[in-house]
Amino acid sequence: MHQPERRTLLGCLVFGAALPLHARARAQAVELDLKTLMQRMAQRKSGRARFTEERFVSGIDSPLLASGTLSFDAPDHFERQTLQPLKETLQIQGRTLLLRRSGRTRQMDMDAIPELGALLEALRGTLTGDAALLQKHFRTRLSGTDAKWVLLLLPRDARLQQQLSQIEIVGRAIDVHSIELQMRGGDRSLMLLEPMAAAAEATR
């Protein structure tokens, strides 16, 4: 797989995985620790959100825009449907990744791309509240309170470090509001998330 394709898949995995869930607890001005946040994230069983994304790429003056929907079903199903500017679906089931675009489907085994596999496991760790799995692949830095917390993920794997600098996830209670992906070389992506009511109701 060529380097640009790997970077695209890295971005899709990140954005297809971290989904907002309706927060029912009132925000409190208490400093969060990773254990507490993971316990709360473990309540998540499924979620659906609208996303808007801006990608800032070296050599291109204006950001590349995209929008669509994201969905997640525990324990291991993720899907990102891009509706604009072009229709595309990225789906992950277990260790298999499916990419559908322009009437064609491409299937890949995550074990064949170790750096993507590490990223996928880390994202699953976040969504399922598994701190040990998350920290196996990333060094974590959590700051803030229920009202606003920031989770910084720094890759441990050398191959992943060559492509990815860091992931910053910002949220409130158990809602994730934004995900920023910073690549080596200066490229970055920012995704804003808006939970969909049907998904929130389904988790009650």
N, C-alpha and C. Protein backbone atom coordinates (compact mmCIF):
# COMPACT_ATOMS: atom_id res chain seq x y z
N MET A 1 0.85 -1.19 0.00
CA MET A 1 0.00 0.00 0.00
C MET A 1 0.89 1.24 0.00
N HIS A 2 0.56 2.22 -0.84
CA HIS A 2 1.36 3.43 -0.94
C HIS A 2 1.17 4.30 0.30
N GLN A 3 2.18 5.14 0.58
CA GLN A 3 2.15 6.00 1.77
C GLN A 3 0.93 6.90 1.83
N PRO A 4 0.51 7.59 0.73
CA PRO A 4 -0.70 8.43 0.81
C PRO A 4 -1.94 7.66 1.19
N GLU A 5 -2.06 6.38 0.69
CA GLU A 5 -3.24 5.58 1.03
C GLU A 5 -3.26 5.24 2.50
N ARG A 6 -2.07 4.93 3.06
CA ARG A 6 -2.00 4.62 4.48
C ARG A 6 -2.42 5.81 5.32
N ARG A 7 -1.99 7.02 4.92
CA ARG A 7 -2.36 8.21 5.67
C ARG A 7 -3.86 8.46 5.60
N THR A 8 -4.46 8.22 4.42
CA THR A 8 -5.90 8.39 4.27
C THR A 8 -6.65 7.43 5.17
N LEU A 9 -6.21 6.15 5.21
CA LEU A 9 -6.87 5.16 6.04
C LEU A 9 -6.70 5.48 7.51
N LEU A 10 -5.53 5.98 7.90
CA LEU A 10 -5.32 6.39 9.29
C LEU A 10 -6.35 7.44 9.69
N GLY A 11 -6.53 8.44 8.82
CA GLY A 11 -7.50 9.48 9.11
C GLY A 11 -8.91 8.94 9.20
N CYS A 12 -9.27 8.04 8.27
CA CYS A 12 -10.62 7.48 8.27
C CYS A 12 -10.88 6.65 9.51
N LEU A 13 -9.88 5.89 9.94
CA LEU A 13 -10.05 5.08 11.14
C LEU A 13 -10.30 5.94 12.35
N VAL A 14 -9.53 6.97 12.46
CA VAL A 14 -9.72 7.87 13.60
C VAL A 14 -11.10 8.46 13.58
N PHE A 15 -11.50 8.99 12.43
CA PHE A 15 -12.75 9.71 12.37
C PHE A 15 -13.94 8.78 12.38
N GLY A 16 -13.73 7.52 11.95
CA GLY A 16 -14.84 6.59 11.94
C GLY A 16 -15.07 5.92 13.26
N ALA A 17 -14.20 6.17 14.19
CA ALA A 17 -14.29 5.43 15.41
C ALA A 17 -14.82 6.21 16.58
N ALA A 18 -14.33 7.39 16.84
CA ALA A 18 -14.69 8.14 18.04
C ALA A 18 -15.99 8.86 17.82
N LEU A 19 -17.09 8.35 18.41
CA LEU A 19 -18.42 8.88 18.17
C LEU A 19 -19.00 9.50 19.44
N PRO A 20 -19.78 10.57 19.32
CA PRO A 20 -20.40 11.17 20.50
C PRO A 20 -21.59 10.37 20.98
N LEU A 21 -21.83 10.41 22.25
CA LEU A 21 -22.97 9.76 22.87
C LEU A 21 -23.67 10.79 23.74
N HIS A 22 -24.97 10.78 23.77
CA HIS A 22 -25.72 11.77 24.53
C HIS A 22 -25.31 11.76 26.00
N ALA A 23 -24.92 12.90 26.50
CA ALA A 23 -24.48 13.00 27.90
C ALA A 23 -25.65 13.39 28.77
N ARG A 24 -25.86 12.61 29.82
CA ARG A 24 -26.99 12.88 30.70
C ARG A 24 -26.54 13.43 32.06
N ALA A 25 -25.26 13.26 32.37
CA ALA A 25 -24.76 13.77 33.66
C ALA A 25 -24.45 15.25 33.55
N ARG A 26 -24.68 15.98 34.62
CA ARG A 26 -24.35 17.41 34.63
C ARG A 26 -22.85 17.57 34.75
N ALA A 27 -22.32 18.55 34.02
CA ALA A 27 -20.89 18.80 34.06
C ALA A 27 -20.49 19.30 35.44
N GLN A 28 -19.38 18.80 35.95
CA GLN A 28 -18.89 19.20 37.25
C GLN A 28 -17.44 19.67 37.12
N ALA A 29 -17.07 20.63 37.92
CA ALA A 29 -15.74 21.20 37.85
C ALA A 29 -14.76 20.36 38.68
N VAL A 30 -14.65 19.08 38.35
CA VAL A 30 -13.74 18.16 39.02
C VAL A 30 -12.76 17.64 37.99
N GLU A 31 -11.48 17.73 38.31
CA GLU A 31 -10.44 17.26 37.39
C GLU A 31 -10.63 15.77 37.12
N LEU A 32 -10.67 15.41 35.84
CA LEU A 32 -10.87 14.01 35.44
C LEU A 32 -9.56 13.27 35.44
N ASP A 33 -9.62 11.96 35.71
CA ASP A 33 -8.47 11.09 35.48
C ASP A 33 -8.88 10.06 34.43
N LEU A 34 -7.90 9.40 33.86
CA LEU A 34 -8.17 8.47 32.76
C LEU A 34 -9.09 7.33 33.19
N LYS A 35 -8.90 6.82 34.40
CA LYS A 35 -9.72 5.72 34.88
C LYS A 35 -11.20 6.10 34.91
N THR A 36 -11.49 7.29 35.42
CA THR A 36 -12.88 7.75 35.51
C THR A 36 -13.49 7.92 34.12
N LEU A 37 -12.73 8.54 33.20
CA LEU A 37 -13.24 8.75 31.85
C LEU A 37 -13.50 7.41 31.16
N MET A 38 -12.58 6.46 31.31
CA MET A 38 -12.74 5.16 30.67
C MET A 38 -13.96 4.41 31.21
N GLN A 39 -14.19 4.54 32.53
CA GLN A 39 -15.37 3.90 33.11
C GLN A 39 -16.65 4.45 32.49
N ARG A 40 -16.66 5.74 32.24
CA ARG A 40 -17.84 6.36 31.64
C ARG A 40 -17.98 5.98 30.18
N MET A 41 -16.86 5.95 29.45
CA MET A 41 -16.91 5.57 28.05
C MET A 41 -17.35 4.11 27.87
N ALA A 42 -17.10 3.28 28.88
CA ALA A 42 -17.48 1.87 28.82
C ALA A 42 -19.00 1.70 28.78
N GLN A 43 -19.74 2.76 29.13
CA GLN A 43 -21.20 2.70 29.05
C GLN A 43 -21.69 2.73 27.61
N ARG A 44 -20.83 3.14 26.71
CA ARG A 44 -21.21 3.29 25.31
C ARG A 44 -21.42 1.92 24.65
N LYS A 45 -22.57 1.71 24.03
CA LYS A 45 -22.85 0.48 23.31
C LYS A 45 -22.96 0.73 21.81
N SER A 46 -23.45 1.90 21.45
CA SER A 46 -23.56 2.26 20.04
C SER A 46 -23.69 3.77 19.94
N GLY A 47 -23.52 4.30 18.77
CA GLY A 47 -23.66 5.73 18.56
C GLY A 47 -23.70 6.08 17.09
N ARG A 48 -24.28 7.24 16.81
CA ARG A 48 -24.35 7.73 15.44
C ARG A 48 -24.22 9.24 15.48
N ALA A 49 -23.48 9.79 14.52
CA ALA A 49 -23.24 11.22 14.53
C ALA A 49 -23.08 11.75 13.12
N ARG A 50 -23.38 13.04 12.98
CA ARG A 50 -23.02 13.75 11.75
C ARG A 50 -21.63 14.33 11.95
N PHE A 51 -20.87 14.39 10.88
CA PHE A 51 -19.55 15.00 11.00
C PHE A 51 -19.32 16.00 9.89
N THR A 52 -18.52 17.01 10.21
CA THR A 52 -17.97 17.91 9.21
C THR A 52 -16.46 17.92 9.42
N GLU A 53 -15.73 17.87 8.33
CA GLU A 53 -14.28 17.70 8.41
C GLU A 53 -13.55 18.71 7.54
N GLU A 54 -12.46 19.21 8.08
CA GLU A 54 -11.55 20.07 7.32
C GLU A 54 -10.17 19.42 7.33
N ARG A 55 -9.61 19.24 6.14
CA ARG A 55 -8.25 18.70 6.04
C ARG A 55 -7.34 19.77 5.47
N PHE A 56 -6.27 20.02 6.20
CA PHE A 56 -5.29 21.03 5.79
C PHE A 56 -4.07 20.30 5.26
N VAL A 57 -3.83 20.45 3.95
CA VAL A 57 -2.78 19.71 3.27
C VAL A 57 -1.74 20.67 2.72
N SER A 58 -0.49 20.36 2.93
CA SER A 58 0.60 21.21 2.44
C SER A 58 0.50 21.38 0.93
N GLY A 59 0.64 22.62 0.48
CA GLY A 59 0.59 22.90 -0.95
C GLY A 59 -0.79 23.25 -1.47
N ILE A 60 -1.81 23.12 -0.62
CA ILE A 60 -3.18 23.48 -1.00
C ILE A 60 -3.63 24.63 -0.12
N ASP A 61 -4.02 25.74 -0.75
CA ASP A 61 -4.33 26.96 -0.01
C ASP A 61 -5.57 26.83 0.87
N SER A 62 -6.63 26.20 0.33
CA SER A 62 -7.89 26.09 1.07
C SER A 62 -8.04 24.68 1.66
N PRO A 63 -8.71 24.55 2.82
CA PRO A 63 -8.91 23.22 3.40
C PRO A 63 -9.84 22.37 2.54
N LEU A 64 -9.61 21.06 2.57
CA LEU A 64 -10.48 20.11 1.88
C LEU A 64 -11.63 19.79 2.81
N LEU A 65 -12.86 19.94 2.32
CA LEU A 65 -14.04 19.78 3.15
C LEU A 65 -14.75 18.47 2.87
N ALA A 66 -15.31 17.87 3.90
CA ALA A 66 -16.08 16.64 3.75
C ALA A 66 -17.14 16.60 4.85
N SER A 67 -18.22 15.86 4.59
CA SER A 67 -19.26 15.71 5.60
C SER A 67 -19.98 14.40 5.37
N GLY A 68 -20.65 13.92 6.42
CA GLY A 68 -21.36 12.65 6.31
C GLY A 68 -21.79 12.17 7.68
N THR A 69 -21.82 10.85 7.87
CA THR A 69 -22.25 10.26 9.14
C THR A 69 -21.25 9.21 9.59
N LEU A 70 -21.21 9.02 10.89
CA LEU A 70 -20.39 7.99 11.51
C LEU A 70 -21.29 7.11 12.36
N SER A 71 -20.93 5.83 12.48
CA SER A 71 -21.69 4.93 13.36
C SER A 71 -20.74 3.94 14.01
N PHE A 72 -21.14 3.49 15.20
CA PHE A 72 -20.35 2.54 15.96
C PHE A 72 -21.29 1.60 16.71
N ASP A 73 -20.98 0.30 16.68
CA ASP A 73 -21.70 -0.69 17.45
C ASP A 73 -20.68 -1.57 18.16
N ALA A 74 -20.78 -1.63 19.48
CA ALA A 74 -19.84 -2.45 20.25
C ALA A 74 -20.03 -3.93 19.88
N PRO A 75 -18.97 -4.72 19.87
CA PRO A 75 -17.64 -4.31 20.33
C PRO A 75 -16.68 -3.89 19.21
N ASP A 76 -17.01 -4.18 17.94
CA ASP A 76 -15.95 -4.01 16.93
C ASP A 76 -16.42 -3.56 15.55
N HIS A 77 -17.53 -2.85 15.50
CA HIS A 77 -18.03 -2.40 14.19
C HIS A 77 -17.99 -0.87 14.11
N PHE A 78 -17.32 -0.36 13.06
CA PHE A 78 -17.25 1.08 12.81
C PHE A 78 -17.63 1.34 11.35
N GLU A 79 -18.26 2.46 11.10
CA GLU A 79 -18.58 2.82 9.72
C GLU A 79 -18.57 4.33 9.55
N ARG A 80 -17.92 4.76 8.49
CA ARG A 80 -17.91 6.18 8.12
C ARG A 80 -18.50 6.29 6.72
N GLN A 81 -19.58 7.04 6.60
CA GLN A 81 -20.19 7.30 5.30
C GLN A 81 -19.97 8.75 4.94
N THR A 82 -19.14 8.97 3.94
CA THR A 82 -18.91 10.32 3.44
C THR A 82 -19.95 10.61 2.36
N LEU A 83 -20.67 11.71 2.52
CA LEU A 83 -21.72 12.08 1.57
C LEU A 83 -21.28 13.21 0.65
N GLN A 84 -20.45 14.10 1.16
CA GLN A 84 -19.92 15.22 0.39
C GLN A 84 -18.41 15.32 0.61
N PRO A 85 -17.61 15.62 -0.39
CA PRO A 85 -18.00 15.96 -1.77
C PRO A 85 -18.29 14.75 -2.65
N LEU A 86 -17.79 13.56 -2.27
CA LEU A 86 -18.04 12.33 -3.00
C LEU A 86 -18.51 11.26 -2.04
N LYS A 87 -19.35 10.36 -2.53
CA LYS A 87 -19.84 9.29 -1.68
C LYS A 87 -18.78 8.20 -1.53
N GLU A 88 -18.58 7.81 -0.26
CA GLU A 88 -17.59 6.79 0.05
C GLU A 88 -17.94 6.17 1.39
N THR A 89 -17.74 4.87 1.52
CA THR A 89 -18.02 4.18 2.78
C THR A 89 -16.79 3.42 3.22
N LEU A 90 -16.38 3.65 4.46
CA LEU A 90 -15.30 2.88 5.07
C LEU A 90 -15.90 2.12 6.24
N GLN A 91 -15.76 0.79 6.23
CA GLN A 91 -16.37 -0.05 7.23
C GLN A 91 -15.32 -0.98 7.84
N ILE A 92 -15.36 -1.11 9.16
CA ILE A 92 -14.46 -2.01 9.85
C ILE A 92 -15.29 -2.99 10.67
N GLN A 93 -15.06 -4.27 10.42
CA GLN A 93 -15.74 -5.32 11.17
C GLN A 93 -14.68 -6.30 11.65
N GLY A 94 -14.49 -6.36 12.96
CA GLY A 94 -13.43 -7.22 13.48
C GLY A 94 -12.08 -6.73 13.01
N ARG A 95 -11.34 -7.58 12.30
CA ARG A 95 -10.03 -7.23 11.78
C ARG A 95 -10.06 -6.94 10.29
N THR A 96 -11.26 -6.82 9.72
CA THR A 96 -11.40 -6.61 8.28
C THR A 96 -11.85 -5.19 7.98
N LEU A 97 -11.21 -4.56 7.01
CA LEU A 97 -11.55 -3.21 6.58
C LEU A 97 -12.09 -3.27 5.16
N LEU A 98 -13.24 -2.65 4.93
CA LEU A 98 -13.86 -2.56 3.60
C LEU A 98 -13.95 -1.10 3.20
N LEU A 99 -13.50 -0.79 2.00
CA LEU A 99 -13.59 0.56 1.47
C LEU A 99 -14.38 0.51 0.17
N ARG A 100 -15.53 1.20 0.15
CA ARG A 100 -16.40 1.22 -1.03
C ARG A 100 -16.38 2.61 -1.63
N ARG A 101 -16.02 2.66 -2.92
CA ARG A 101 -15.91 3.94 -3.61
C ARG A 101 -16.11 3.73 -5.10
N SER A 102 -16.97 4.57 -5.69
CA SER A 102 -17.21 4.53 -7.15
C SER A 102 -17.61 3.15 -7.64
N GLY A 103 -18.45 2.46 -6.85
CA GLY A 103 -18.93 1.16 -7.26
C GLY A 103 -17.95 0.02 -7.06
N ARG A 104 -16.81 0.30 -6.47
CA ARG A 104 -15.81 -0.73 -6.22
C ARG A 104 -15.61 -0.93 -4.72
N THR A 105 -15.30 -2.16 -4.34
CA THR A 105 -15.07 -2.49 -2.94
C THR A 105 -13.68 -3.08 -2.79
N ARG A 106 -12.94 -2.57 -1.84
CA ARG A 106 -11.61 -3.06 -1.54
C ARG A 106 -11.60 -3.61 -0.13
N GLN A 107 -11.09 -4.82 0.03
CA GLN A 107 -11.06 -5.46 1.34
C GLN A 107 -9.61 -5.67 1.79
N MET A 108 -9.34 -5.37 3.06
CA MET A 108 -7.99 -5.52 3.61
C MET A 108 -8.05 -6.15 4.98
N ASP A 109 -7.02 -6.91 5.30
CA ASP A 109 -6.87 -7.48 6.64
C ASP A 109 -6.03 -6.50 7.46
N MET A 110 -6.54 -6.09 8.61
CA MET A 110 -5.84 -5.11 9.42
C MET A 110 -4.48 -5.61 9.87
N ASP A 111 -4.31 -6.93 10.02
CA ASP A 111 -3.03 -7.47 10.46
C ASP A 111 -1.94 -7.29 9.41
N ALA A 112 -2.34 -7.03 8.16
CA ALA A 112 -1.36 -6.82 7.10
C ALA A 112 -0.80 -5.40 7.13
N ILE A 113 -1.41 -4.53 7.93
CA ILE A 113 -0.97 -3.14 8.05
C ILE A 113 -0.80 -2.85 9.54
N PRO A 114 0.33 -3.24 10.13
CA PRO A 114 0.50 -3.19 11.59
C PRO A 114 0.20 -1.83 12.21
N GLU A 115 0.62 -0.73 11.55
CA GLU A 115 0.39 0.58 12.16
C GLU A 115 -1.10 0.91 12.21
N LEU A 116 -1.86 0.48 11.22
CA LEU A 116 -3.30 0.69 11.25
C LEU A 116 -3.95 -0.21 12.29
N GLY A 117 -3.44 -1.42 12.42
CA GLY A 117 -3.97 -2.33 13.43
C GLY A 117 -3.79 -1.77 14.83
N ALA A 118 -2.62 -1.17 15.08
CA ALA A 118 -2.36 -0.58 16.39
C ALA A 118 -3.31 0.58 16.66
N LEU A 119 -3.54 1.40 15.63
CA LEU A 119 -4.45 2.53 15.78
C LEU A 119 -5.87 2.05 16.05
N LEU A 120 -6.30 1.03 15.32
CA LEU A 120 -7.64 0.49 15.50
C LEU A 120 -7.84 -0.03 16.92
N GLU A 121 -6.85 -0.77 17.44
CA GLU A 121 -6.96 -1.30 18.79
C GLU A 121 -7.04 -0.18 19.83
N ALA A 122 -6.27 0.88 19.58
CA ALA A 122 -6.30 2.00 20.51
C ALA A 122 -7.66 2.68 20.51
N LEU A 123 -8.24 2.83 19.33
CA LEU A 123 -9.55 3.47 19.24
C LEU A 123 -10.62 2.62 19.90
N ARG A 124 -10.53 1.32 19.70
CA ARG A 124 -11.47 0.43 20.36
C ARG A 124 -11.32 0.53 21.88
N GLY A 125 -10.08 0.65 22.32
CA GLY A 125 -9.85 0.81 23.75
C GLY A 125 -10.52 2.04 24.30
N THR A 126 -10.47 3.15 23.53
CA THR A 126 -11.12 4.38 23.96
C THR A 126 -12.63 4.20 24.03
N LEU A 127 -13.20 3.65 22.98
CA LEU A 127 -14.66 3.54 22.91
C LEU A 127 -15.23 2.56 23.92
N THR A 128 -14.48 1.50 24.23
CA THR A 128 -14.98 0.50 25.16
C THR A 128 -14.52 0.76 26.59
N GLY A 129 -13.75 1.83 26.78
CA GLY A 129 -13.29 2.16 28.11
C GLY A 129 -12.18 1.24 28.61
N ASP A 130 -11.38 0.70 27.71
CA ASP A 130 -10.30 -0.22 28.05
C ASP A 130 -8.99 0.56 28.08
N ALA A 131 -8.64 1.09 29.25
CA ALA A 131 -7.44 1.93 29.37
C ALA A 131 -6.17 1.15 29.07
N ALA A 132 -6.12 -0.13 29.47
CA ALA A 132 -4.93 -0.94 29.23
C ALA A 132 -4.67 -1.11 27.74
N LEU A 133 -5.71 -1.36 26.98
CA LEU A 133 -5.57 -1.52 25.53
C LEU A 133 -5.16 -0.21 24.88
N LEU A 134 -5.75 0.88 25.35
CA LEU A 134 -5.42 2.20 24.82
C LEU A 134 -3.95 2.52 25.06
N GLN A 135 -3.48 2.27 26.28
CA GLN A 135 -2.11 2.61 26.63
C GLN A 135 -1.08 1.64 26.07
N LYS A 136 -1.54 0.52 25.55
CA LYS A 136 -0.63 -0.41 24.89
C LYS A 136 -0.05 0.22 23.63
N HIS A 137 -0.84 1.04 22.94
CA HIS A 137 -0.43 1.62 21.67
C HIS A 137 -0.15 3.12 21.73
N PHE A 138 -0.66 3.78 22.76
CA PHE A 138 -0.51 5.23 22.86
C PHE A 138 -0.10 5.64 24.26
N ARG A 139 0.68 6.70 24.35
CA ARG A 139 0.87 7.39 25.61
C ARG A 139 -0.27 8.39 25.73
N THR A 140 -0.89 8.45 26.88
CA THR A 140 -2.10 9.26 27.04
C THR A 140 -1.86 10.42 27.99
N ARG A 141 -2.47 11.55 27.65
CA ARG A 141 -2.44 12.73 28.52
C ARG A 141 -3.86 13.28 28.57
N LEU A 142 -4.45 13.21 29.73
CA LEU A 142 -5.82 13.69 29.90
C LEU A 142 -5.82 14.91 30.81
N SER A 143 -6.53 15.96 30.40
CA SER A 143 -6.65 17.16 31.22
C SER A 143 -8.08 17.68 31.13
N GLY A 144 -8.47 18.48 32.12
CA GLY A 144 -9.79 19.10 32.10
C GLY A 144 -10.77 18.46 33.06
N THR A 145 -12.03 18.88 32.92
CA THR A 145 -13.13 18.41 33.78
C THR A 145 -14.26 17.89 32.91
N ASP A 146 -15.35 17.51 33.56
CA ASP A 146 -16.54 17.08 32.81
C ASP A 146 -17.00 18.15 31.83
N ALA A 147 -16.86 19.41 32.22
CA ALA A 147 -17.32 20.51 31.37
C ALA A 147 -16.53 20.58 30.07
N LYS A 148 -15.26 20.22 30.12
CA LYS A 148 -14.42 20.13 28.92
C LYS A 148 -13.16 19.35 29.26
N TRP A 149 -12.96 18.24 28.55
CA TRP A 149 -11.74 17.47 28.73
C TRP A 149 -11.03 17.29 27.40
N VAL A 150 -9.72 17.10 27.49
CA VAL A 150 -8.88 16.92 26.31
C VAL A 150 -8.03 15.67 26.51
N LEU A 151 -8.18 14.71 25.61
CA LEU A 151 -7.40 13.48 25.64
C LEU A 151 -6.40 13.51 24.49
N LEU A 152 -5.13 13.52 24.84
CA LEU A 152 -4.07 13.55 23.85
C LEU A 152 -3.48 12.16 23.73
N LEU A 153 -3.41 11.64 22.49
CA LEU A 153 -2.88 10.31 22.21
C LEU A 153 -1.59 10.45 21.41
N LEU A 154 -0.51 9.92 21.96
CA LEU A 154 0.80 9.98 21.32
C LEU A 154 1.24 8.55 20.99
N PRO A 155 1.46 8.23 19.72
CA PRO A 155 1.74 6.84 19.33
C PRO A 155 3.05 6.31 19.90
N ARG A 156 3.02 5.04 20.32
CA ARG A 156 4.22 4.36 20.79
C ARG A 156 4.94 3.64 19.65
N ASP A 157 4.18 3.08 18.72
CA ASP A 157 4.74 2.29 17.63
C ASP A 157 5.59 3.16 16.70
N ALA A 158 6.81 2.70 16.39
CA ALA A 158 7.73 3.50 15.58
C ALA A 158 7.18 3.74 14.18
N ARG A 159 6.52 2.74 13.60
CA ARG A 159 5.97 2.92 12.25
C ARG A 159 4.84 3.92 12.24
N LEU A 160 4.03 3.88 13.28
CA LEU A 160 2.94 4.85 13.37
C LEU A 160 3.48 6.25 13.62
N GLN A 161 4.55 6.35 14.39
CA GLN A 161 5.16 7.65 14.67
C GLN A 161 5.68 8.32 13.41
N GLN A 162 6.07 7.53 12.41
CA GLN A 162 6.59 8.09 11.17
C GLN A 162 5.50 8.82 10.38
N GLN A 163 4.23 8.49 10.64
CA GLN A 163 3.13 9.10 9.91
C GLN A 163 2.28 10.03 10.77
N LEU A 164 2.07 9.62 12.01
CA LEU A 164 1.15 10.33 12.90
C LEU A 164 1.89 10.98 14.05
N SER A 165 1.65 12.26 14.25
CA SER A 165 2.26 12.97 15.38
C SER A 165 1.42 12.80 16.64
N GLN A 166 0.12 13.11 16.54
CA GLN A 166 -0.75 12.98 17.71
C GLN A 166 -2.21 13.04 17.30
N ILE A 167 -3.07 12.58 18.20
CA ILE A 167 -4.52 12.71 18.07
C ILE A 167 -5.01 13.46 19.30
N GLU A 168 -5.81 14.48 19.09
CA GLU A 168 -6.39 15.23 20.21
C GLU A 168 -7.91 15.10 20.15
N ILE A 169 -8.48 14.54 21.20
CA ILE A 169 -9.93 14.34 21.30
C ILE A 169 -10.45 15.27 22.38
N VAL A 170 -11.43 16.08 22.05
CA VAL A 170 -12.01 17.04 23.00
C VAL A 170 -13.47 16.68 23.23
N GLY A 171 -13.88 16.66 24.48
CA GLY A 171 -15.26 16.31 24.77
C GLY A 171 -15.79 16.93 26.03
N ARG A 172 -17.04 16.62 26.31
CA ARG A 172 -17.71 17.04 27.54
C ARG A 172 -18.48 15.84 28.07
N ALA A 173 -18.27 15.51 29.35
CA ALA A 173 -18.87 14.31 29.93
C ALA A 173 -18.55 13.12 29.02
N ILE A 174 -19.55 12.46 28.43
CA ILE A 174 -19.26 11.36 27.52
C ILE A 174 -19.61 11.71 26.07
N ASP A 175 -19.70 13.00 25.79
CA ASP A 175 -19.84 13.47 24.41
C ASP A 175 -18.45 13.80 23.85
N VAL A 176 -18.14 13.32 22.67
CA VAL A 176 -16.93 13.74 21.96
C VAL A 176 -17.35 14.81 20.97
N HIS A 177 -16.72 15.99 21.05
CA HIS A 177 -17.10 17.11 20.20
C HIS A 177 -16.17 17.36 19.02
N SER A 178 -14.90 17.01 19.18
CA SER A 178 -13.97 17.22 18.07
C SER A 178 -12.80 16.25 18.16
N ILE A 179 -12.23 15.96 16.99
CA ILE A 179 -11.06 15.10 16.89
C ILE A 179 -10.10 15.76 15.92
N GLU A 180 -8.89 16.01 16.39
CA GLU A 180 -7.88 16.60 15.51
C GLU A 180 -6.73 15.62 15.33
N LEU A 181 -6.40 15.38 14.08
CA LEU A 181 -5.34 14.45 13.70
C LEU A 181 -4.19 15.25 13.11
N GLN A 182 -3.01 15.15 13.71
CA GLN A 182 -1.84 15.87 13.22
C GLN A 182 -0.83 14.87 12.68
N MET A 183 -0.51 15.03 11.39
CA MET A 183 0.40 14.12 10.73
C MET A 183 1.81 14.70 10.74
N ARG A 184 2.80 13.83 10.56
CA ARG A 184 4.17 14.28 10.39
C ARG A 184 4.25 15.08 9.09
N GLY A 185 4.97 16.17 9.10
CA GLY A 185 5.08 16.99 7.91
C GLY A 185 4.16 18.18 7.91
N GLY A 186 3.25 18.24 8.92
CA GLY A 186 2.42 19.43 9.04
C GLY A 186 0.98 19.30 8.60
N ASP A 187 0.62 18.26 7.85
CA ASP A 187 -0.77 18.09 7.46
C ASP A 187 -1.60 17.78 8.71
N ARG A 188 -2.86 18.24 8.70
CA ARG A 188 -3.73 17.94 9.83
C ARG A 188 -5.18 17.91 9.40
N SER A 189 -6.00 17.28 10.21
CA SER A 189 -7.44 17.21 9.96
C SER A 189 -8.18 17.56 11.24
N LEU A 190 -9.28 18.25 11.08
CA LEU A 190 -10.13 18.60 12.22
C LEU A 190 -11.56 18.18 11.90
N MET A 191 -12.12 17.37 12.77
CA MET A 191 -13.49 16.89 12.59
C MET A 191 -14.35 17.34 13.76
N LEU A 192 -15.51 17.92 13.44
CA LEU A 192 -16.49 18.31 14.44
C LEU A 192 -17.64 17.32 14.38
N LEU A 193 -18.14 16.91 15.55
CA LEU A 193 -19.15 15.87 15.64
C LEU A 193 -20.42 16.39 16.29
N GLU A 194 -21.55 15.94 15.73
CA GLU A 194 -22.86 16.30 16.28
C GLU A 194 -23.68 15.02 16.45
N PRO A 195 -23.98 14.64 17.69
CA PRO A 195 -24.73 13.39 17.91
C PRO A 195 -26.11 13.46 17.29
N MET A 196 -26.55 12.31 16.78
CA MET A 196 -27.89 12.22 16.19
C MET A 196 -28.84 11.69 17.25
N ALA A 197 -30.02 12.29 17.34
CA ALA A 197 -30.97 12.02 18.42
C ALA A 197 -31.34 10.56 18.53
N ALA A 198 -31.53 9.91 17.37
CA ALA A 198 -31.96 8.51 17.38
C ALA A 198 -30.94 7.63 18.08
N ALA A 199 -29.65 7.93 17.82
CA ALA A 199 -28.60 7.14 18.45
C ALA A 199 -28.57 7.38 19.94
N ALA A 200 -28.76 8.63 20.33
CA ALA A 200 -28.74 8.95 21.76
C ALA A 200 -29.87 8.25 22.49
N GLU A 201 -31.06 8.26 21.91
CA GLU A 201 -32.21 7.63 22.55
C GLU A 201 -31.99 6.13 22.68
N ALA A 202 -31.32 5.53 21.68
CA ALA A 202 -31.14 4.07 21.67
C ALA A 202 -30.25 3.61 22.80
N THR A 203 -29.44 4.49 23.35
CA THR A 203 -28.50 4.10 24.40
C THR A 203 -29.10 4.23 25.80
N ARG A 204 -30.30 4.72 25.89
CA ARG A 204 -30.91 4.90 27.20
C ARG A 204 -31.40 3.56 27.76
